[in-house]
Protein backbone atom coordinates (compact mmCIF):
# COMPACT_ATOMS: atom_id res chain seq x y z
CA MET A 1 85.06 71.57 136.58
CA MET A 2 83.36 69.81 139.51
CA PHE A 3 86.49 67.76 140.14
CA SER A 4 88.87 70.74 140.03
CA VAL A 5 86.75 72.79 142.44
CA GLN A 6 86.27 69.84 144.80
CA ALA A 7 90.00 69.01 144.69
CA PHE A 8 91.04 72.59 145.38
CA VAL A 9 88.65 73.06 148.32
CA GLU A 10 89.43 69.71 149.93
CA ASN A 11 93.18 70.03 149.47
CA THR A 12 93.07 73.50 151.02
CA LEU A 13 90.98 72.40 154.01
CA HIS A 14 92.02 68.80 154.61
CA ASP A 15 95.14 68.14 152.50
CA GLN A 16 93.43 65.07 151.02
CA LEU A 17 90.65 64.17 148.60
CA SER A 18 87.32 62.60 149.46
CA THR A 19 85.35 59.84 147.77
CA LEU A 20 83.25 62.53 146.08
CA ALA A 21 86.31 64.20 144.60
CA TYR A 22 87.58 60.89 143.25
CA PHE A 23 84.14 60.24 141.77
CA HIS A 24 84.31 63.52 139.85
CA TYR A 25 87.87 62.64 138.84
CA GLY A 26 86.71 59.35 137.35
CA GLN A 27 83.90 61.09 135.50
CA THR A 28 86.35 63.66 134.10
CA LEU A 29 88.71 60.95 132.85
CA GLN A 30 85.82 59.08 131.18
CA LEU A 31 84.64 62.21 129.40
CA LEU A 32 88.19 63.03 128.30
CA GLN A 33 88.79 59.49 127.01
CA ALA A 34 85.53 59.60 125.08
CA ARG A 35 86.64 62.79 123.36
CA LEU A 36 90.06 61.40 122.51
CA ASN A 37 88.53 58.20 121.08
CA ALA A 38 85.88 59.99 119.04
CA PHE A 39 85.93 59.46 115.27
CA ASP A 40 85.78 63.21 114.72
CA GLN A 41 89.08 64.48 116.13
CA THR A 42 87.92 68.11 116.02
CA LEU A 43 86.63 67.88 119.58
CA ALA A 44 89.66 65.89 120.74
CA ILE A 45 92.01 68.78 120.00
CA SER A 46 89.60 71.62 120.76
CA ASP A 47 90.18 74.45 123.22
CA SER A 48 87.74 72.86 125.66
CA THR A 49 89.68 69.57 125.62
CA ILE A 50 92.90 71.45 126.26
CA MET A 51 91.24 73.05 129.28
CA VAL A 52 90.17 69.62 130.60
CA VAL A 53 93.77 68.36 130.42
CA ILE A 54 95.05 71.53 132.07
CA THR A 55 92.49 71.17 134.86
CA LEU A 56 93.63 67.61 135.51
CA ALA A 57 97.25 68.77 135.61
CA GLN A 58 96.32 71.50 138.10
CA ALA A 59 94.52 69.06 140.37
CA ALA A 60 97.44 66.61 140.20
CA GLU A 61 99.81 69.40 141.18
CA LEU A 62 97.57 70.26 144.15
CA THR A 63 97.83 66.69 145.43
CA ARG A 64 101.54 66.53 144.52
CA ASP A 65 100.97 63.63 142.15
CA PHE A 66 103.81 64.75 139.90
CA ALA A 67 103.77 61.56 137.84
CA ALA A 68 100.20 62.40 136.84
CA VAL A 69 101.26 66.00 136.10
CA ALA A 70 103.92 64.63 133.75
CA ASN A 71 101.40 62.43 131.93
CA HIS A 72 98.95 65.28 131.49
CA VAL A 73 101.67 67.61 130.18
CA LYS A 74 102.75 64.95 127.68
CA GLY A 75 99.15 64.65 126.53
CA LEU A 76 98.92 68.40 126.27
CA LYS A 77 102.07 68.47 124.14
CA LYS A 78 100.55 65.93 121.74
CA ILE A 79 97.32 67.92 121.39
CA VAL A 80 99.24 71.16 120.81
CA SER A 81 101.36 69.38 118.18
CA LEU A 82 98.20 68.21 116.38
CA ARG A 83 96.98 71.79 116.44
CA GLY A 84 100.15 72.89 114.62
CA GLY A 85 102.27 73.93 117.60
CA VAL A 86 101.98 76.66 120.21
CA ARG A 87 102.23 79.46 117.68
CA ALA A 88 99.20 78.08 115.84
CA LEU A 89 96.91 78.32 118.87
CA ASN A 90 94.31 81.03 118.96
CA THR A 91 95.90 84.33 119.97
CA HIS A 92 92.67 86.26 120.58
CA ASN A 93 92.07 84.35 123.81
CA ASN A 94 95.74 83.91 124.84
CA MET A 95 95.64 80.13 124.37
CA GLN A 96 99.42 80.06 123.98
CA VAL A 97 100.14 81.51 127.40
CA LYS A 98 97.81 79.17 129.23
CA VAL A 99 99.37 76.08 127.73
CA CYS A 100 102.86 77.32 128.59
CA ARG A 101 102.16 78.61 132.08
CA CYS A 102 99.35 76.68 133.87
CA VAL A 103 98.01 76.96 137.40
CA SER A 104 99.58 80.32 138.25
CA SER A 105 97.21 82.97 139.54
CA SER A 106 95.42 84.92 136.83
CA VAL A 107 95.14 87.96 139.09
CA TYR A 108 98.40 89.76 139.93
CA LYS A 109 97.71 92.13 142.81
CA ILE A 110 99.83 95.15 143.59
CA HIS A 111 97.96 96.40 146.67
CA THR A 112 95.88 99.23 145.17
CA CYS A 113 97.08 98.37 141.69
CA THR A 114 95.57 95.12 140.38
CA LEU A 115 96.62 93.50 137.15
CA VAL A 116 93.97 91.14 135.80
CA PHE A 117 94.86 88.59 133.16
CA PRO A 118 92.44 86.75 130.92
CA LYS A 119 91.43 83.27 132.04
CA ASP A 120 91.82 81.53 128.71
CA ASN A 121 93.42 78.51 127.15
CA ALA A 122 96.49 80.16 125.63
CA GLU A 123 97.68 81.36 129.02
CA ASN A 124 97.08 77.99 130.64
CA VAL A 125 99.01 76.09 127.96
CA ALA A 126 102.11 78.10 128.85
CA ARG A 127 101.51 77.74 132.56
CA ALA A 128 101.11 73.98 132.44
CA ASP A 129 104.36 73.49 130.58
CA LEU A 130 106.35 75.87 132.76
CA ALA A 131 104.81 74.65 136.03
CA TYR A 132 105.90 71.09 135.25
CA ALA A 133 109.39 72.29 134.34
CA LEU A 134 109.74 74.15 137.65
CA LEU A 135 108.31 71.26 139.68
CA SER A 136 110.46 68.56 138.09
CA GLY A 137 113.61 70.31 136.93
CA HIS A 138 113.06 69.04 133.38
CA ARG A 139 113.15 71.36 130.42
CA PRO A 140 109.77 72.57 129.14
CA CYS A 141 108.23 70.57 126.31
CA LEU A 142 107.26 73.52 124.13
CA LEU A 143 108.91 76.39 122.24
CA GLY A 144 112.45 74.96 122.42
CA GLU A 145 113.14 75.16 118.70
CA SER A 146 111.66 78.64 118.21
CA LEU A 147 113.16 80.21 121.34
CA SER A 148 114.74 83.65 120.93
CA TRP A 149 117.67 84.49 123.22
CA ASP A 150 117.49 88.22 122.54
CA CYS A 151 116.25 90.77 125.07
CA PHE A 152 112.48 91.10 125.03
CA ILE A 153 111.78 94.40 126.84
CA ALA A 154 115.17 95.71 128.02
CA ASN A 155 115.79 97.44 124.68
CA SER A 156 112.16 98.33 123.97
CA GLY A 157 112.12 101.71 125.67
CA LEU A 158 109.25 100.74 127.98
CA ILE A 159 111.25 101.81 131.04
CA GLN A 160 114.32 103.96 131.62
CA CYS A 161 115.96 103.51 135.01
CA LYS A 162 119.29 104.39 136.60
CA HIS A 163 120.86 103.01 139.74
CA GLU A 164 124.02 105.02 140.29
CA PRO A 165 126.69 104.39 141.31
CA HIS A 166 126.21 100.62 140.82
CA ASP A 167 125.14 100.46 137.15
CA ALA A 168 128.57 100.66 135.56
CA ASN A 169 130.13 98.00 137.82
CA ILE A 170 127.27 95.54 137.32
CA ARG A 171 127.19 96.10 133.57
CA ALA A 172 130.94 95.57 133.22
CA PHE A 173 130.74 92.36 135.25
CA ALA A 174 127.76 91.01 133.29
CA ASP A 175 129.35 91.88 129.93
CA THR A 176 132.58 90.06 130.71
CA ALA A 177 131.66 87.25 133.12
CA MET A 178 128.13 86.18 132.24
CA ASP A 179 126.83 84.07 129.38
CA ALA A 180 125.22 86.44 126.86
CA ARG A 181 121.89 84.58 126.93
CA LEU A 182 121.81 84.74 130.71
CA HIS A 183 122.78 88.41 130.66
CA ASN A 184 119.85 89.20 128.36
CA ALA A 185 117.47 87.43 130.73
CA LEU A 186 118.90 89.45 133.62
CA ARG A 187 118.41 92.68 131.69
CA ASP A 188 114.79 91.79 130.91
CA LEU A 189 114.03 90.87 134.54
CA HIS A 190 115.67 94.08 135.71
CA ALA A 191 113.55 96.12 133.30
CA PHE A 192 110.38 94.28 134.33
CA SER A 193 111.17 94.84 138.02
CA CYS A 194 111.58 98.57 137.45
CA LEU A 195 108.37 98.61 135.40
CA SER A 196 106.49 96.79 138.19
CA ASN A 197 107.76 99.22 140.84
CA LEU A 198 106.70 102.15 138.69
CA ALA A 199 103.24 100.62 138.21
CA TYR A 200 102.88 100.26 141.97
CA GLN A 201 104.03 103.81 142.69
CA THR A 202 101.66 105.31 140.13
CA THR A 203 98.78 102.83 140.80
CA ARG A 204 98.67 102.03 137.10
CA LYS A 205 97.97 98.67 135.50
CA LEU A 206 100.53 96.75 133.53
CA SER A 207 99.33 95.47 130.19
CA PRO A 208 98.24 91.81 130.39
CA GLU A 209 99.93 91.22 127.05
CA THR A 210 103.22 92.67 128.35
CA TYR A 211 103.05 90.59 131.52
CA ASN A 212 102.29 87.32 129.73
CA GLU A 213 104.82 87.79 126.94
CA VAL A 214 107.58 88.75 129.38
CA MET A 215 106.75 85.73 131.52
CA ILE A 216 106.95 83.32 128.59
CA SER A 217 110.12 84.85 127.18
CA ILE A 218 112.07 84.91 130.45
CA LEU A 219 110.97 81.62 132.00
CA TYR A 220 111.43 79.61 128.81
CA ARG A 221 114.94 80.95 128.32
CA LEU A 222 115.99 80.28 131.91
CA THR A 223 114.52 76.77 132.04
CA HIS A 224 116.24 75.80 128.78
CA LEU A 225 119.66 76.89 130.07
CA SER A 226 121.98 74.84 132.30
CA PHE A 227 125.49 75.55 133.60
CA LYS A 228 126.21 72.67 135.97
CA SER A 229 129.98 72.93 135.46
CA ASP A 230 130.06 76.71 135.99
CA PRO A 231 129.22 77.80 139.58
CA LEU A 232 128.75 81.48 138.73
CA GLN A 233 126.48 80.98 135.71
CA GLU A 234 124.36 78.34 137.46
CA ALA A 235 123.98 80.45 140.60
CA MET A 236 122.83 83.39 138.48
CA ARG A 237 120.54 81.22 136.35
CA SER A 238 118.86 79.52 139.32
CA GLY A 239 118.67 82.85 141.16
CA LEU A 240 116.96 84.53 138.22
CA LEU A 241 114.62 81.54 137.93
CA ALA A 242 113.75 81.65 141.65
CA PHE A 243 113.18 85.41 141.39
CA SER A 244 110.96 85.17 138.31
CA SER A 245 108.96 82.18 139.56
CA ALA A 246 108.05 84.19 142.67
CA ILE A 247 106.66 86.88 140.37
CA PHE A 248 105.06 84.91 137.56
CA MET A 249 104.26 81.48 139.04
CA GLN A 250 102.92 82.12 142.52
CA ARG A 251 101.16 79.26 144.32
CA GLN A 252 99.36 80.69 147.34
CA PHE A 253 97.45 77.42 147.71
CA MET A 254 100.61 75.29 148.06
CA GLU A 255 103.40 75.34 150.63
CA ARG A 256 106.88 75.35 149.06
CA PRO A 257 105.62 74.37 145.59
CA TYR A 258 109.04 74.56 143.96
CA ASP A 259 111.25 72.64 146.36
CA HIS A 260 113.37 71.31 143.50
CA LEU A 261 114.15 74.81 142.24
CA LEU A 262 114.98 76.09 145.73
CA ASN A 263 117.30 73.14 146.32
CA VAL A 264 119.05 73.81 143.01
CA TYR A 265 119.48 77.46 143.96
CA SER A 266 120.81 76.63 147.43
CA ASP A 267 123.25 74.05 146.03
CA SER A 268 124.48 76.42 143.33
CA LEU A 269 125.07 79.17 145.91
CA SER A 270 126.99 76.75 148.09
CA ARG A 271 129.24 75.82 145.15
CA LEU A 272 129.73 79.48 144.26
CA ARG A 273 130.61 80.27 147.87
CA LYS A 274 133.41 77.68 147.70
CA ALA A 275 134.72 79.00 144.36
CA THR A 276 137.13 81.53 145.81
CA ASP A 277 138.65 82.49 142.44
CA ILE A 278 135.52 84.38 141.26
CA ASP A 279 135.39 88.12 141.91
CA ILE A 280 131.75 89.22 142.09
CA PRO A 281 130.54 92.82 142.56
CA VAL A 282 129.15 93.53 146.01
CA PRO A 283 125.60 94.39 144.76
CA ILE A 284 125.31 91.01 143.04
CA VAL A 285 126.59 89.12 146.09
CA LEU A 286 124.11 91.05 148.24
CA TRP A 287 121.29 90.23 145.82
CA LEU A 288 122.15 86.52 145.59
CA THR A 289 122.38 86.10 149.36
CA MET A 290 119.35 88.25 150.19
CA LEU A 291 117.26 86.48 147.55
CA SER A 292 118.11 83.11 149.10
CA HIS A 293 116.56 84.29 152.38
CA VAL A 294 113.48 85.70 150.66
CA VAL A 295 112.56 82.75 148.43
CA ASN A 296 113.69 80.09 150.91
CA HIS A 297 112.48 81.73 154.13
CA GLU A 298 110.59 78.61 155.25
CA ASP A 299 113.69 76.38 155.17
CA SER A 300 113.81 74.87 158.66
CA SER A 301 117.49 73.92 158.31
CA ASP A 302 118.45 77.59 157.77
CA GLU A 303 122.07 76.77 156.86
CA GLU A 304 124.58 78.80 158.82
CA TRP A 305 126.68 79.55 155.75
CA ARG A 306 123.78 81.43 154.15
CA LYS A 307 123.54 83.70 157.20
CA VAL A 308 127.30 84.22 157.30
CA TRP A 309 127.47 85.09 153.60
CA LEU A 310 124.60 87.56 153.91
CA ASP A 311 126.25 89.15 156.95
CA GLU A 312 129.53 89.48 155.04
CA ALA A 313 127.76 91.00 152.03
CA ILE A 314 125.98 93.60 154.16
CA SER A 315 129.19 94.38 156.02
CA HIS A 316 131.08 94.89 152.73
CA THR A 317 128.46 97.35 151.48
CA GLY A 318 129.15 99.68 154.39
CA ILE A 319 125.46 100.54 154.64
CA ASP A 320 123.31 100.33 157.75
CA SER A 321 119.75 101.10 156.65
CA TRP A 322 117.13 99.09 154.82
CA SER A 323 116.41 101.91 152.35
CA GLN A 324 120.07 101.95 151.25
CA THR A 325 120.11 98.17 151.02
CA ARG A 326 116.95 98.14 148.93
CA GLU A 327 118.39 100.69 146.51
CA MET A 328 121.43 98.47 146.01
CA LEU A 329 119.20 95.42 145.49
CA LYS A 330 117.22 97.37 142.89
CA SER A 331 120.41 97.93 140.91
CA VAL A 332 120.22 94.18 140.17
CA MET A 333 116.45 93.61 140.45
CA TRP A 334 113.90 93.91 143.21
CA VAL A 335 110.10 94.29 143.31
CA ASP A 336 109.19 96.23 146.44
CA PHE A 337 105.68 94.93 147.03
CA ILE A 338 106.75 91.31 146.60
CA HIS A 339 110.17 91.18 148.28
CA ASP A 340 110.31 94.00 150.84
CA ARG A 341 108.67 92.29 153.82
CA LEU A 342 110.96 89.26 153.90
CA GLY A 343 113.97 91.19 152.64
CA LYS A 344 113.75 93.79 155.41
CA LYS A 345 113.34 91.03 158.00
CA ALA A 346 116.48 89.26 156.74
CA PHE A 347 118.40 92.55 156.71
CA GLU A 348 117.44 93.42 160.28
CA SER A 349 118.40 89.94 161.49
CA ALA A 350 121.79 90.27 159.78
CA ILE A 351 122.38 93.71 161.33
CA LEU A 352 121.67 92.29 164.77
CA ARG A 353 124.08 89.40 164.17
CA LEU A 354 126.71 91.96 163.18
CA GLY A 355 126.17 93.75 166.49
CA LYS A 356 124.84 96.91 164.88
CA ALA A 357 121.66 98.89 165.28
CA PRO A 358 119.82 99.48 161.98
CA ARG A 359 119.42 103.14 161.09
CA ILE A 360 115.73 103.94 160.80
CA ASP A 361 115.21 106.22 157.80
CA ASP A 362 112.22 104.61 155.95
């Protein structure tokens, strides 16, 4: 605990660790090694030991020591295996989610609506596994064999939403052009986005269980998929992954934590842009191009082709106001309180490049 706090504070203030932090790090490793070498293995695979490994992984991520992150995740996988797998972890304290997710904020704020999630081992197990997958581009270590590709909430009746007149066109495209597993992930993310917007509008709280289970289901499916030979599928997969990581795996304490993912998304969009034989509905093109500006807004290179493609997409929609643009984006997926600020900025910049004046109707 002393090491993790010291590492977080010093990395935030000075972007480096002091002698004191390294002292606590050494002490933590000694205590962990003593547990792992103990004759009684009960303590070695206990919840508290899992939390020690997760803490070390978090600190390594802070300092961008990704080799150390990989080692800690491998150790975590071994402990979880000795415990009987992720599904065998205690469910009353959300141990599963912690192992699979790691490091992500346990408080999800929606302005006046705050969603608080339990700070327990199950959640961190999930976070650790997924964080490493997003950082490195490798598949997660856990849940691969027991993964379900079915929709998790889209067919549950939790939310009913309509986005006319775009629904039919998007559904027809997804049914015929998208991989079924990818389509199900899209449907779940769409449903969760609508649910999040409703929670914000009504100042209600989303269930922690719903949030955590949706996060695990969607992120594990997307990180286990790969379509390197198919520009459309890979652009959609990496776009959905970039979208969901911004919701579920925020890192306010790190600048550009998922550079690898953003590079994959940018590369896949570039390949899709060059694939002239693919006919994509305007709302999806608008969403793909707008999302690239939202999740990659700090990219200093700011490739010209991304601006041109966004300008073309907005021009093809025939709309000239942010409220109309946002409604079209919502027909795919969009969370107002997360994406609006950067999305509106990108829209207004595009309108100016097109030589138009945005209609103010918000």
